[in-house]
Every structure is written in structure tokens, then in C-alpha cells.
Amino acid sequence: MIAAAFERLSRQARQQTAANGSLSYVDLGKGQPVVFVHGGHGGWYHWIANLEALAQGRRVIASDLPGFGASSAPAETFSLEVAGQRVFDLLDELDVGQFDLVAFSFGSCVAGYMAASRPERIRTLTLVNPAGMGPVSASLSQIQKEAAEVARSVGMAGGVEVSLKKIMLSDPSLVTPELTALAARHVRATRVLTRPIARSNPTRALIERVQAPVWLVLGSKDPHQAHEVAAREGWIHSLSARNRASVQAAAHWLQYERAEWFNRHLSEFIS
């Protein structure tokens, strides 16, 4: 099913070409724009369970960041500024002014930069299991080490399957061969390093500068978040009375695992 959805959306994907490279993106629906930023080792497919549903009432735009998926690698050293500015360049070409911004995992670092540097463009900011929030848990580090060892011993797909089952999704029935193949394809296509940026923990400082209302969505089964769920909820509320926080019994890829819930509540928040 996910392979069919990916192929269907891929047929609608476009390529924006500029002097600093090309960007692959999908642009669906009509109405107030919602812009989606994917996570590390990913692409717009991280929103595959969300884009078509939300495009029923809004214009949705999601790209592969520079160095990911079908987008070209950046000519300069990859950074939050490089990634964020390329998204702004795309939106300028698409005549998008103000928009709702939705980000996942490492994409939250990019979105934080975008919202802090161009506050006049951002209506709302949604962060799903953001990276770059502080020291990671020992359990996450151990799983990442295990996945790397499996990848070395049995191949990339084996390591990706470990990550899907122990980090990305808490429901093992969702980890199908076609999903593993799609995720492994995007890991292979990633030509930039994101973990050093995330491990510098830029997200909190960036979000503290954001003027728009923020919705922080956390998975209680996500090893990125589980060790600090209550503290992160309190932190986002402390920044502004307009901010919201939600915790769901899901792992890291919450918007896929809890797609119906996420789509409904995101529509409510950005309305």
C-alpha cells in the first residue's frame, strides 16, 4: 500500500531547478498553504499518510531537502541556513507568502531556523518529535548502534528494519517489506550529514525565538522523547500561552503511526 501511495505521489512530483541545484517537491490541493519539512534520512515520503488527506481542504507543499531523496546535493556545506533558504526559495517561486509550517524530527531544526529568521512568513509551527532538543537517551544510542551493526553485517535493509521497529514505529505490523525497502531507498539517497547538527541541540534556542503559535507533538514510545516528555511539554507551554502540546502512545514516526489522529488535530490547530 505505501509503495503504491509513493508511486502515485511521485507521478505528481515536480522539480524546481535553480543555480544552486534542483529540489523535488509535491504541491497538492488549494487554499491556505501548509508546508511540510521531513526528517533525517527521509524525504517528503515522511508525510505520505498526511499529504493527500490534508490536501482536501488546504494547499500542501512538501519537498525533499537538498541532499535528500530526488533533490540534488547542495553546492555548499549543508546547514540549517542552506536547507531553510532553499525551501524559502521554492516557496517564493510558487508565490507562497505566509504559511503554516509542519516539521518532523531533524526537520524541526530546519523549521526552527525558518520560523526564527522569517517570522512574518509563519502562521503556525507544528513540531512532531523534534530532534536537537538536548542529550539523547542511552536507549536511543544503543538502538542506533545496533542498527548500524546490523547494517554492516547483513546489509542496509536489515539496519533500517531495526530502526523502523525500535525507533520509528511501535506497531510492528506496520513494518512491512515495502516500507523497509522505501525507507532504505531514502537512506541510500541521503548525501548530507544531519546527526552532527542535531547533536549540537539547536532546536530549543530557535523555538524560543518563534513568534507564531507552536504545537509540540510527542510520542510517549519514542526513544528520542520518552526520557523527557513531561519536561518538554512544560517547556513549550512556558514559552507562550498560545502554545500547545500533545502526547500520544506512538513512536518516532507519529504522523504515520497515528495518521488519522494527527491529520484531524493538525487541521484543527492550523485553522
C-alpha atoms as a PDB file:
ATOM      1  CA  MET A   1       0.000   0.000   0.000  1.00  0.00           C
ATOM      2  CA  ILE A   2       2.714   2.512   0.895  1.00  0.00           C
ATOM      3  CA  ALA A   3       4.638   1.716  -2.288  1.00  0.00           C
ATOM      4  CA  ALA A   4       1.522   2.432  -4.360  1.00  0.00           C
ATOM      5  CA  ALA A   5       0.939   5.711  -2.497  1.00  0.00           C
ATOM      6  CA  PHE A   6       4.562   6.726  -3.018  1.00  0.00           C
ATOM      7  CA  GLU A   7       4.414   5.967  -6.733  1.00  0.00           C
ATOM      8  CA  ARG A   8       1.114   7.842  -7.066  1.00  0.00           C
ATOM      9  CA  LEU A   9       2.505  10.946  -5.373  1.00  0.00           C
ATOM     10  CA  SER A  10       5.828  10.621  -7.211  1.00  0.00           C
ATOM     11  CA  ARG A  11       3.982  10.935 -10.518  1.00  0.00           C
ATOM     12  CA  GLN A  12       2.754  14.327  -9.309  1.00  0.00           C
ATOM     13  CA  ALA A  13       6.157  15.457  -8.025  1.00  0.00           C
ATOM     14  CA  ARG A  14       7.841  18.373  -9.745  1.00  0.00           C
ATOM     15  CA  GLN A  15      11.430  19.550  -9.977  1.00  0.00           C
ATOM     16  CA  GLN A  16      12.440  23.120  -9.234  1.00  0.00           C
ATOM     17  CA  THR A  17      15.784  23.969 -10.816  1.00  0.00           C
ATOM     18  CA  ALA A  18      17.884  26.901  -9.659  1.00  0.00           C
ATOM     19  CA  ALA A  19      21.502  27.984  -9.842  1.00  0.00           C
ATOM     20  CA  ASN A  20      22.211  26.219  -6.541  1.00  0.00           C
ATOM     21  CA  GLY A  21      20.614  22.910  -7.523  1.00  0.00           C
ATOM     22  CA  SER A  22      17.275  21.192  -8.018  1.00  0.00           C
ATOM     23  CA  LEU A  23      14.561  20.478  -5.477  1.00  0.00           C
ATOM     24  CA  SER A  24      11.960  17.719  -5.817  1.00  0.00           C
ATOM     25  CA  TYR A  25       8.573  18.609  -4.349  1.00  0.00           C
ATOM     26  CA  VAL A  26       4.864  17.857  -4.350  1.00  0.00           C
ATOM     27  CA  ASP A  27       2.245  20.607  -4.414  1.00  0.00           C
ATOM     28  CA  LEU A  28      -1.338  19.442  -3.883  1.00  0.00           C
ATOM     29  CA  GLY A  29      -4.738  20.993  -3.186  1.00  0.00           C
ATOM     30  CA  LYS A  30      -5.890  24.580  -2.877  1.00  0.00           C
ATOM     31  CA  GLY A  31      -6.274  27.083  -0.067  1.00  0.00           C
ATOM     32  CA  GLN A  32      -4.047  28.436   2.687  1.00  0.00           C
ATOM     33  CA  PRO A  33      -0.612  26.779   2.205  1.00  0.00           C
ATOM     34  CA  VAL A  34       0.798  24.211   4.617  1.00  0.00           C
ATOM     35  CA  VAL A  35       4.499  23.429   4.195  1.00  0.00           C
ATOM     36  CA  PHE A  36       5.981  20.138   5.432  1.00  0.00           C
ATOM     37  CA  VAL A  37       9.644  19.503   6.322  1.00  0.00           C
ATOM     38  CA  HIS A  38      10.810  15.898   6.601  1.00  0.00           C
ATOM     39  CA  GLY A  39      13.249  14.233   8.978  1.00  0.00           C
ATOM     40  CA  GLY A  40      16.754  12.844   8.598  1.00  0.00           C
ATOM     41  CA  HIS A  41      17.443  10.090   6.046  1.00  0.00           C
ATOM     42  CA  GLY A  42      13.997  10.853   4.642  1.00  0.00           C
ATOM     43  CA  GLY A  43      12.102  12.869   2.100  1.00  0.00           C
ATOM     44  CA  TRP A  44       8.596  14.104   1.523  1.00  0.00           C
ATOM     45  CA  TYR A  45       7.549  10.465   1.905  1.00  0.00           C
ATOM     46  CA  HIS A  46       7.691  11.014   5.678  1.00  0.00           C
ATOM     47  CA  TRP A  47       4.294  12.727   5.159  1.00  0.00           C
ATOM     48  CA  ILE A  48       2.864  10.035   2.902  1.00  0.00           C
ATOM     49  CA  ALA A  49      -0.042   9.317   5.273  1.00  0.00           C
ATOM     50  CA  ASN A  50      -0.891  13.007   5.625  1.00  0.00           C
ATOM     51  CA  LEU A  51      -0.493  14.952   2.389  1.00  0.00           C
ATOM     52  CA  GLU A  52      -3.474  13.713   0.409  1.00  0.00           C
ATOM     53  CA  ALA A  53      -5.827  13.862   3.392  1.00  0.00           C
ATOM     54  CA  LEU A  54      -4.863  17.442   4.250  1.00  0.00           C
ATOM     55  CA  ALA A  55      -4.965  18.485   0.595  1.00  0.00           C
ATOM     56  CA  GLN A  56      -8.728  18.002   0.705  1.00  0.00           C
ATOM     57  CA  GLY A  57      -9.012  21.403   2.367  1.00  0.00           C
ATOM     58  CA  ARG A  58      -5.606  23.093   2.076  1.00  0.00           C
ATOM     59  CA  ARG A  59      -2.718  23.545  -0.313  1.00  0.00           C
ATOM     60  CA  VAL A  60       0.074  21.242   0.857  1.00  0.00           C
ATOM     61  CA  ILE A  61       3.708  21.542  -0.224  1.00  0.00           C
ATOM     62  CA  ALA A  62       6.457  19.114   0.734  1.00  0.00           C
ATOM     63  CA  SER A  63       9.951  18.845  -0.733  1.00  0.00           C
ATOM     64  CA  ASP A  64      12.964  16.621  -0.455  1.00  0.00           C
ATOM     65  CA  LEU A  65      15.505  18.867   1.266  1.00  0.00           C
ATOM     66  CA  PRO A  66      18.844  19.452  -0.519  1.00  0.00           C
ATOM     67  CA  GLY A  67      20.859  16.245  -0.433  1.00  0.00           C
ATOM     68  CA  PHE A  68      17.825  14.040   0.226  1.00  0.00           C
ATOM     69  CA  GLY A  69      15.658  11.889  -1.992  1.00  0.00           C
ATOM     70  CA  ALA A  70      15.308  13.187  -5.549  1.00  0.00           C
ATOM     71  CA  SER A  71      16.733  16.649  -4.774  1.00  0.00           C
ATOM     72  CA  SER A  72      20.310  17.450  -5.736  1.00  0.00           C
ATOM     73  CA  ALA A  73      23.044  17.759  -3.137  1.00  0.00           C
ATOM     74  CA  PRO A  74      23.740  21.342  -2.033  1.00  0.00           C
ATOM     75  CA  ALA A  75      26.664  23.071  -3.713  1.00  0.00           C
ATOM     76  CA  GLU A  76      27.775  24.441  -0.344  1.00  0.00           C
ATOM     77  CA  THR A  77      28.184  22.745   3.028  1.00  0.00           C
ATOM     78  CA  PHE A  78      24.818  21.548   4.298  1.00  0.00           C
ATOM     79  CA  SER A  79      23.423  23.597   7.184  1.00  0.00           C
ATOM     80  CA  LEU A  80      20.105  24.710   8.623  1.00  0.00           C
ATOM     81  CA  GLU A  81      20.516  28.000   6.786  1.00  0.00           C
ATOM     82  CA  VAL A  82      21.170  26.286   3.446  1.00  0.00           C
ATOM     83  CA  ALA A  83      18.199  23.926   3.839  1.00  0.00           C
ATOM     84  CA  GLY A  84      15.823  26.579   5.133  1.00  0.00           C
ATOM     85  CA  GLN A  85      16.724  29.122   2.464  1.00  0.00           C
ATOM     86  CA  ARG A  86      16.209  26.560  -0.321  1.00  0.00           C
ATOM     87  CA  VAL A  87      12.695  25.921   0.994  1.00  0.00           C
ATOM     88  CA  PHE A  88      12.034  29.667   1.078  1.00  0.00           C
ATOM     89  CA  ASP A  89      13.367  29.952  -2.495  1.00  0.00           C
ATOM     90  CA  LEU A  90      10.936  27.255  -3.608  1.00  0.00           C
ATOM     91  CA  LEU A  91       8.026  28.938  -1.839  1.00  0.00           C
ATOM     92  CA  ASP A  92       8.916  32.289  -3.389  1.00  0.00           C
ATOM     93  CA  GLU A  93       8.831  30.706  -6.839  1.00  0.00           C
ATOM     94  CA  LEU A  94       5.439  29.179  -6.013  1.00  0.00           C
ATOM     95  CA  ASP A  95       4.121  32.603  -4.912  1.00  0.00           C
ATOM     96  CA  VAL A  96       3.580  31.444  -1.337  1.00  0.00           C
ATOM     97  CA  GLY A  97       3.634  34.271   1.198  1.00  0.00           C
ATOM     98  CA  GLN A  98       2.514  33.328   4.684  1.00  0.00           C
ATOM     99  CA  PHE A  99       2.094  29.642   5.510  1.00  0.00           C
ATOM    100  CA  ASP A 100       1.643  27.054   8.246  1.00  0.00           C
ATOM    101  CA  LEU A 101       4.867  25.125   8.837  1.00  0.00           C
ATOM    102  CA  VAL A 102       4.933  21.471   9.938  1.00  0.00           C
ATOM    103  CA  ALA A 103       8.161  19.610  10.697  1.00  0.00           C
ATOM    104  CA  PHE A 104       9.283  16.155  11.790  1.00  0.00           C
ATOM    105  CA  SER A 105      12.408  15.050  13.673  1.00  0.00           C
ATOM    106  CA  PHE A 106      15.507  16.708  12.136  1.00  0.00           C
ATOM    107  CA  GLY A 107      13.163  18.822  10.035  1.00  0.00           C
ATOM    108  CA  SER A 108      12.241  20.629  13.254  1.00  0.00           C
ATOM    109  CA  CYS A 109      15.761  22.080  13.356  1.00  0.00           C
ATOM    110  CA  VAL A 110      15.280  23.414   9.821  1.00  0.00           C
ATOM    111  CA  ALA A 111      11.774  24.674  10.601  1.00  0.00           C
ATOM    112  CA  GLY A 112      13.017  26.328  13.780  1.00  0.00           C
ATOM    113  CA  TYR A 113      15.561  28.253  11.734  1.00  0.00           C
ATOM    114  CA  MET A 114      12.900  29.210   9.186  1.00  0.00           C
ATOM    115  CA  ALA A 115      10.406  30.405  11.801  1.00  0.00           C
ATOM    116  CA  ALA A 116      13.005  32.311  13.816  1.00  0.00           C
ATOM    117  CA  SER A 117      14.604  34.018  10.807  1.00  0.00           C
ATOM    118  CA  ARG A 118      11.441  34.921   8.858  1.00  0.00           C
ATOM    119  CA  PRO A 119       8.688  35.272  11.477  1.00  0.00           C
ATOM    120  CA  GLU A 120       6.449  37.295   9.161  1.00  0.00           C
ATOM    121  CA  ARG A 121       6.038  34.233   6.904  1.00  0.00           C
ATOM    122  CA  ILE A 122       4.942  31.724   9.571  1.00  0.00           C
ATOM    123  CA  ARG A 123       1.288  31.477  10.704  1.00  0.00           C
ATOM    124  CA  THR A 124       1.765  28.437  12.950  1.00  0.00           C
ATOM    125  CA  LEU A 125       4.537  25.950  13.650  1.00  0.00           C
ATOM    126  CA  THR A 126       3.952  22.250  14.346  1.00  0.00           C
ATOM    127  CA  LEU A 127       6.831  20.084  15.576  1.00  0.00           C
ATOM    128  CA  VAL A 128       6.490  16.297  15.588  1.00  0.00           C
ATOM    129  CA  ASN A 129       9.047  14.531  17.806  1.00  0.00           C
ATOM    130  CA  PRO A 130      11.692  17.193  17.194  1.00  0.00           C
ATOM    131  CA  ALA A 131      15.395  16.427  17.129  1.00  0.00           C
ATOM    132  CA  GLY A 132      18.030  18.738  18.545  1.00  0.00           C
ATOM    133  CA  MET A 133      16.262  19.171  21.885  1.00  0.00           C
ATOM    134  CA  GLY A 134      19.046  18.057  24.197  1.00  0.00           C
ATOM    135  CA  PRO A 135      21.028  14.975  25.189  1.00  0.00           C
ATOM    136  CA  VAL A 136      19.617  11.764  23.740  1.00  0.00           C
ATOM    137  CA  SER A 137      18.730   8.809  25.925  1.00  0.00           C
ATOM    138  CA  ALA A 138      21.056   5.850  26.453  1.00  0.00           C
ATOM    139  CA  SER A 139      18.405   3.566  24.958  1.00  0.00           C
ATOM    140  CA  LEU A 140      18.337   5.564  21.715  1.00  0.00           C
ATOM    141  CA  SER A 141      22.111   5.468  21.395  1.00  0.00           C
ATOM    142  CA  GLN A 142      22.087   1.701  21.920  1.00  0.00           C
ATOM    143  CA  ILE A 143      19.422   1.130  19.256  1.00  0.00           C
ATOM    144  CA  GLN A 144      21.278   3.317  16.768  1.00  0.00           C
ATOM    145  CA  LYS A 145      24.441   1.336  17.454  1.00  0.00           C
ATOM    146  CA  GLU A 146      22.556  -1.944  16.966  1.00  0.00           C
ATOM    147  CA  ALA A 147      21.052  -0.745  13.681  1.00  0.00           C
ATOM    148  CA  ALA A 148      24.492   0.277  12.396  1.00  0.00           C
ATOM    149  CA  GLU A 149      25.965  -3.113  13.333  1.00  0.00           C
ATOM    150  CA  VAL A 150      23.135  -4.986  11.602  1.00  0.00           C
ATOM    151  CA  ALA A 151      23.544  -2.816   8.502  1.00  0.00           C
ATOM    152  CA  ARG A 152      27.236  -3.692   8.379  1.00  0.00           C
ATOM    153  CA  SER A 153      26.661  -7.397   8.890  1.00  0.00           C
ATOM    154  CA  VAL A 154      23.560  -8.143   6.793  1.00  0.00           C
ATOM    155  CA  GLY A 155      23.034  -5.040   4.676  1.00  0.00           C
ATOM    156  CA  MET A 156      21.353  -1.663   4.727  1.00  0.00           C
ATOM    157  CA  ALA A 157      17.793  -3.011   4.719  1.00  0.00           C
ATOM    158  CA  GLY A 158      18.478  -5.004   7.885  1.00  0.00           C
ATOM    159  CA  GLY A 159      19.666  -1.936   9.758  1.00  0.00           C
ATOM    160  CA  VAL A 160      16.706   0.080   8.509  1.00  0.00           C
ATOM    161  CA  GLU A 161      14.322  -2.617   9.723  1.00  0.00           C
ATOM    162  CA  VAL A 162      15.834  -2.409  13.215  1.00  0.00           C
ATOM    163  CA  SER A 163      15.325   1.363  13.229  1.00  0.00           C
ATOM    164  CA  LEU A 164      11.760   1.053  11.975  1.00  0.00           C
ATOM    165  CA  LYS A 165      10.834  -1.487  14.652  1.00  0.00           C
ATOM    166  CA  LYS A 166      12.684   0.019  17.606  1.00  0.00           C
ATOM    167  CA  ILE A 167      12.657   3.763  16.918  1.00  0.00           C
ATOM    168  CA  MET A 168      10.247   4.793  14.203  1.00  0.00           C
ATOM    169  CA  LEU A 169       7.144   2.673  14.878  1.00  0.00           C
ATOM    170  CA  SER A 170       5.758   0.963  17.976  1.00  0.00           C
ATOM    171  CA  ASP A 171       3.350  -1.260  15.989  1.00  0.00           C
ATOM    172  CA  PRO A 172       5.479  -3.989  14.363  1.00  0.00           C
ATOM    173  CA  SER A 173       2.689  -4.867  11.928  1.00  0.00           C
ATOM    174  CA  LEU A 174       3.348  -1.555  10.179  1.00  0.00           C
ATOM    175  CA  VAL A 175       6.921  -2.570   9.360  1.00  0.00           C
ATOM    176  CA  THR A 176       6.291  -4.293   6.045  1.00  0.00           C
ATOM    177  CA  PRO A 177       8.879  -5.291   3.423  1.00  0.00           C
ATOM    178  CA  GLU A 178       7.683  -2.490   1.119  1.00  0.00           C
ATOM    179  CA  LEU A 179       8.037   0.108   3.876  1.00  0.00           C
ATOM    180  CA  THR A 180      11.517  -1.185   4.729  1.00  0.00           C
ATOM    181  CA  ALA A 181      12.505  -1.012   1.065  1.00  0.00           C
ATOM    182  CA  LEU A 182      11.202   2.554   0.711  1.00  0.00           C
ATOM    183  CA  ALA A 183      12.976   3.714   3.871  1.00  0.00           C
ATOM    184  CA  ALA A 184      16.231   2.011   2.824  1.00  0.00           C
ATOM    185  CA  ARG A 185      15.980   3.670  -0.581  1.00  0.00           C
ATOM    186  CA  HIS A 186      15.886   7.082   1.090  1.00  0.00           C
ATOM    187  CA  VAL A 187      18.730   6.254   3.463  1.00  0.00           C
ATOM    188  CA  ARG A 188      20.879   5.380   0.447  1.00  0.00           C
ATOM    189  CA  ALA A 189      19.806   8.599  -1.286  1.00  0.00           C
ATOM    190  CA  THR A 190      20.885  10.816   1.636  1.00  0.00           C
ATOM    191  CA  ARG A 191      24.089  12.655   0.738  1.00  0.00           C
ATOM    192  CA  VAL A 192      24.424  15.018   3.714  1.00  0.00           C
ATOM    193  CA  LEU A 193      25.055  14.600   7.433  1.00  0.00           C
ATOM    194  CA  THR A 194      22.311  15.673   9.838  1.00  0.00           C
ATOM    195  CA  ARG A 195      23.221  13.990  13.119  1.00  0.00           C
ATOM    196  CA  PRO A 196      26.128  16.372  13.926  1.00  0.00           C
ATOM    197  CA  ILE A 197      23.733  19.308  13.505  1.00  0.00           C
ATOM    198  CA  ALA A 198      21.037  17.700  15.647  1.00  0.00           C
ATOM    199  CA  ARG A 199      23.566  16.744  18.311  1.00  0.00           C
ATOM    200  CA  SER A 200      24.533  20.426  18.626  1.00  0.00           C
ATOM    201  CA  ASN A 201      20.991  20.830  20.041  1.00  0.00           C
ATOM    202  CA  PRO A 202      19.862  23.966  18.149  1.00  0.00           C
ATOM    203  CA  THR A 203      16.107  23.447  18.436  1.00  0.00           C
ATOM    204  CA  ARG A 204      15.253  24.892  21.851  1.00  0.00           C
ATOM    205  CA  ALA A 205      17.089  28.165  21.263  1.00  0.00           C
ATOM    206  CA  LEU A 206      15.483  28.568  17.841  1.00  0.00           C
ATOM    207  CA  ILE A 207      11.957  27.813  19.068  1.00  0.00           C
ATOM    208  CA  GLU A 208      12.358  30.281  21.915  1.00  0.00           C
ATOM    209  CA  ARG A 209      12.625  32.986  19.214  1.00  0.00           C
ATOM    210  CA  VAL A 210       9.492  31.880  17.345  1.00  0.00           C
ATOM    211  CA  GLN A 211       6.595  34.326  17.439  1.00  0.00           C
ATOM    212  CA  ALA A 212       3.910  32.061  15.937  1.00  0.00           C
ATOM    213  CA  PRO A 213       1.817  29.605  17.990  1.00  0.00           C
ATOM    214  CA  VAL A 214       3.613  26.260  18.329  1.00  0.00           C
ATOM    215  CA  TRP A 215       2.101  22.782  18.623  1.00  0.00           C
ATOM    216  CA  LEU A 216       4.559  20.251  20.042  1.00  0.00           C
ATOM    217  CA  VAL A 217       3.584  16.631  19.334  1.00  0.00           C
ATOM    218  CA  LEU A 218       5.428  13.923  21.264  1.00  0.00           C
ATOM    219  CA  GLY A 219       5.343  10.137  21.126  1.00  0.00           C
ATOM    220  CA  SER A 220       5.476   8.526  24.555  1.00  0.00           C
ATOM    221  CA  LYS A 221       7.081   5.445  22.946  1.00  0.00           C
ATOM    222  CA  ASP A 222       9.659   7.432  21.008  1.00  0.00           C
ATOM    223  CA  PRO A 223      13.158   6.828  22.418  1.00  0.00           C
ATOM    224  CA  HIS A 224      14.027  10.361  21.269  1.00  0.00           C
ATOM    225  CA  GLN A 225      11.392  11.826  23.608  1.00  0.00           C
ATOM    226  CA  ALA A 226      10.316   9.306  26.275  1.00  0.00           C
ATOM    227  CA  HIS A 227      13.003  10.283  28.801  1.00  0.00           C
ATOM    228  CA  GLU A 228      11.861  13.937  28.809  1.00  0.00           C
ATOM    229  CA  VAL A 229       8.214  14.033  27.755  1.00  0.00           C
ATOM    230  CA  ALA A 230       6.884  15.950  30.777  1.00  0.00           C
ATOM    231  CA  ALA A 231       9.793  18.409  30.754  1.00  0.00           C
ATOM    232  CA  ARG A 232       9.317  19.156  27.055  1.00  0.00           C
ATOM    233  CA  GLU A 233       5.592  19.660  27.500  1.00  0.00           C
ATOM    234  CA  GLY A 234       6.289  22.134  30.297  1.00  0.00           C
ATOM    235  CA  TRP A 235       8.931  23.912  28.260  1.00  0.00           C
ATOM    236  CA  ILE A 236       6.685  24.588  25.249  1.00  0.00           C
ATOM    237  CA  HIS A 237       3.889  25.872  27.499  1.00  0.00           C
ATOM    238  CA  SER A 238       6.320  28.152  29.324  1.00  0.00           C
ATOM    239  CA  LEU A 239       7.193  29.991  26.113  1.00  0.00           C
ATOM    240  CA  SER A 240       3.679  31.208  25.295  1.00  0.00           C
ATOM    241  CA  ALA A 241       0.098  30.706  26.433  1.00  0.00           C
ATOM    242  CA  ARG A 242      -0.780  30.174  22.754  1.00  0.00           C
ATOM    243  CA  ASN A 243       1.394  27.081  22.512  1.00  0.00           C
ATOM    244  CA  ARG A 244       0.013  23.546  22.766  1.00  0.00           C
ATOM    245  CA  ALA A 245       1.436  20.119  23.498  1.00  0.00           C
ATOM    246  CA  SER A 246       0.074  16.651  22.813  1.00  0.00           C
ATOM    247  CA  VAL A 247       1.428  13.249  23.819  1.00  0.00           C
ATOM    248  CA  GLN A 248       0.348  10.118  22.014  1.00  0.00           C
ATOM    249  CA  ALA A 249       1.142   6.437  22.538  1.00  0.00           C
ATOM    250  CA  ALA A 250       3.301   6.225  19.442  1.00  0.00           C
ATOM    251  CA  ALA A 251       6.948   6.007  18.493  1.00  0.00           C
ATOM    252  CA  HIS A 252       9.035   8.469  16.471  1.00  0.00           C
ATOM    253  CA  TRP A 253       7.129   8.465  13.164  1.00  0.00           C
ATOM    254  CA  LEU A 254       3.943   9.514  14.907  1.00  0.00           C
ATOM    255  CA  GLN A 255       2.280  11.160  11.915  1.00  0.00           C
ATOM    256  CA  TYR A 256       2.408   7.816  10.089  1.00  0.00           C
ATOM    257  CA  GLU A 257       1.553   5.553  13.010  1.00  0.00           C
ATOM    258  CA  ARG A 258      -1.307   7.784  14.213  1.00  0.00           C
ATOM    259  CA  ALA A 259      -2.185   9.348  10.873  1.00  0.00           C
ATOM    260  CA  GLU A 260      -5.928   9.785  11.362  1.00  0.00           C
ATOM    261  CA  TRP A 261      -5.457  11.418  14.775  1.00  0.00           C
ATOM    262  CA  PHE A 262      -2.634  13.618  13.528  1.00  0.00           C
ATOM    263  CA  ASN A 263      -4.440  14.777  10.386  1.00  0.00           C
ATOM    264  CA  ARG A 264      -7.563  15.701  12.334  1.00  0.00           C
ATOM    265  CA  HIS A 265      -5.764  17.617  15.065  1.00  0.00           C
ATOM    266  CA  LEU A 266      -3.349  19.339  12.711  1.00  0.00           C
ATOM    267  CA  SER A 267      -6.328  20.609  10.695  1.00  0.00           C
ATOM    268  CA  GLU A 268      -7.846  21.955  13.908  1.00  0.00           C
ATOM    269  CA  PHE A 269      -4.628  23.640  15.029  1.00  0.00           C
ATOM    270  CA  ILE A 270      -3.870  25.404  11.770  1.00  0.00           C
ATOM    271  CA  SER A 271      -7.482  26.525  11.437  1.00  0.00           C
END
